[in-house]
Protein backbone atom coordinates (compact mmCIF):
# COMPACT_ATOMS: atom_id res chain seq x y z
CA MET A 1 -40.00 -42.57 0.62
CA ALA A 2 -41.64 -41.09 -2.48
CA TRP A 3 -38.60 -38.88 -3.13
CA ILE A 4 -36.31 -41.91 -2.95
CA TYR A 5 -38.53 -43.77 -5.43
CA LEU A 6 -38.50 -40.72 -7.68
CA PHE A 7 -34.72 -40.37 -7.52
CA PHE A 8 -34.14 -44.00 -8.51
CA ALA A 9 -36.80 -43.75 -11.22
CA GLY A 10 -34.81 -40.84 -12.65
CA VAL A 11 -31.54 -42.76 -12.45
CA LEU A 12 -33.15 -45.68 -14.26
CA GLU A 13 -34.35 -43.26 -16.92
CA ILE A 14 -30.71 -42.33 -17.53
CA VAL A 15 -29.81 -46.02 -17.79
CA TRP A 16 -32.56 -46.78 -20.29
CA ALA A 17 -31.74 -43.75 -22.39
CA PHE A 18 -28.08 -44.79 -22.58
CA SER A 19 -28.90 -48.43 -23.28
CA MET A 20 -31.38 -47.39 -25.96
CA LYS A 21 -28.58 -45.48 -27.67
CA GLN A 22 -26.38 -48.56 -27.35
CA SER A 23 -29.12 -50.80 -28.79
CA GLU A 24 -28.66 -49.14 -32.19
CA GLY A 25 -32.35 -48.97 -32.94
CA PHE A 26 -33.15 -52.15 -31.00
CA THR A 27 -30.91 -54.19 -33.30
CA ARG A 28 -28.63 -55.36 -30.46
CA LEU A 29 -30.26 -57.79 -28.04
CA GLY A 30 -28.37 -57.05 -24.79
CA PRO A 31 -28.85 -53.29 -24.74
CA SER A 32 -32.42 -53.72 -26.00
CA VAL A 33 -33.28 -55.97 -23.06
CA VAL A 34 -31.63 -53.55 -20.61
CA THR A 35 -33.66 -50.71 -22.15
CA VAL A 36 -37.00 -52.46 -21.75
CA VAL A 37 -36.32 -53.77 -18.23
CA THR A 38 -35.07 -50.42 -16.92
CA MET A 39 -37.95 -48.59 -18.61
CA ILE A 40 -40.46 -50.79 -16.80
CA ALA A 41 -38.64 -50.40 -13.49
CA SER A 42 -38.39 -46.62 -13.95
CA PHE A 43 -42.10 -46.31 -14.71
CA ALA A 44 -42.95 -48.55 -11.73
CA LEU A 45 -40.92 -46.41 -9.35
CA LEU A 46 -42.38 -43.24 -10.83
CA SER A 47 -45.88 -44.59 -10.25
CA LEU A 48 -45.02 -45.36 -6.62
CA ALA A 49 -43.72 -41.84 -6.15
CA MET A 50 -46.89 -40.43 -7.70
CA LYS A 51 -48.98 -42.03 -4.98
CA THR A 52 -48.01 -39.15 -2.71
CA LEU A 53 -46.25 -36.54 -4.85
CA PRO A 54 -48.16 -34.18 -7.12
CA LEU A 55 -48.21 -35.21 -10.77
CA GLY A 56 -46.49 -32.07 -12.02
CA THR A 57 -43.73 -32.29 -9.44
CA ALA A 58 -43.05 -36.00 -9.88
CA TYR A 59 -43.11 -35.97 -13.66
CA THR A 60 -41.04 -32.80 -13.98
CA ILE A 61 -38.35 -34.05 -11.64
CA TRP A 62 -38.29 -37.51 -13.23
CA THR A 63 -37.82 -36.12 -16.73
CA GLY A 64 -35.35 -33.53 -15.47
CA ILE A 65 -33.13 -36.12 -13.81
CA GLY A 66 -33.29 -38.15 -17.00
CA ALA A 67 -32.56 -35.20 -19.25
CA VAL A 68 -29.61 -33.83 -17.30
CA GLY A 69 -28.29 -37.31 -16.56
CA ALA A 70 -28.51 -38.37 -20.20
CA PHE A 71 -26.77 -35.14 -21.19
CA ALA A 72 -23.99 -35.85 -18.68
CA VAL A 73 -23.58 -39.45 -19.88
CA GLY A 74 -23.50 -38.23 -23.46
CA VAL A 75 -20.72 -35.78 -22.67
CA LEU A 76 -18.72 -37.92 -20.24
CA VAL A 77 -19.13 -41.38 -21.75
CA LEU A 78 -19.98 -40.87 -25.40
CA GLY A 79 -17.79 -37.84 -26.02
CA GLU A 80 -20.63 -35.60 -27.16
CA PRO A 81 -19.85 -31.88 -27.19
CA ALA A 82 -20.66 -29.97 -24.01
CA GLY A 83 -20.66 -26.44 -25.39
CA ALA A 84 -21.37 -23.36 -23.33
CA LEU A 85 -25.05 -23.10 -24.28
CA ARG A 86 -25.66 -26.78 -23.58
CA MET A 87 -24.05 -26.39 -20.16
CA VAL A 88 -26.18 -23.34 -19.40
CA ALA A 89 -29.27 -25.27 -20.45
CA ALA A 90 -28.36 -28.13 -18.09
CA VAL A 91 -27.83 -25.69 -15.23
CA LEU A 92 -31.21 -24.11 -15.93
CA ILE A 93 -32.88 -27.52 -15.88
CA VAL A 94 -31.26 -28.36 -12.53
CA SER A 95 -32.31 -24.94 -11.19
CA GLY A 96 -35.87 -25.66 -12.25
CA LEU A 97 -35.76 -29.04 -10.51
CA VAL A 98 -34.57 -27.48 -7.28
CA LEU A 99 -37.33 -24.85 -7.45
CA MET A 100 -39.92 -27.55 -8.19
CA LYS A 101 -38.76 -29.52 -5.15
CA LEU A 102 -38.83 -26.44 -2.94
CA ALA A 103 -42.32 -25.54 -4.14
CA SER A 104 -43.70 -29.03 -3.65
CA PRO A 105 -46.18 -29.50 -0.80
CA ALA A 106 -45.18 -33.16 -0.31
């Protein structure tokens, strides 16, 4: 169950990162509210996952899902440049996440 909590915490991290961008520095109410609510939910799910998963594993995977997901949303939704080096970096992050999961005792 901890891995499911962690996955959804990571997905919510992507949502809050995107909505924070859309809030334009917290000057737009709707996206600002979405940012705060999804941040709280993401942290809550992360804390549930950390009850059984090691700190380093849980935090690394949570931030990795958020980082790669936010990168993907930036490219696919916001039209940000992908670029070869940025794509390689994303692949390396995902590779690190897979290795972290495989090395995790939980």
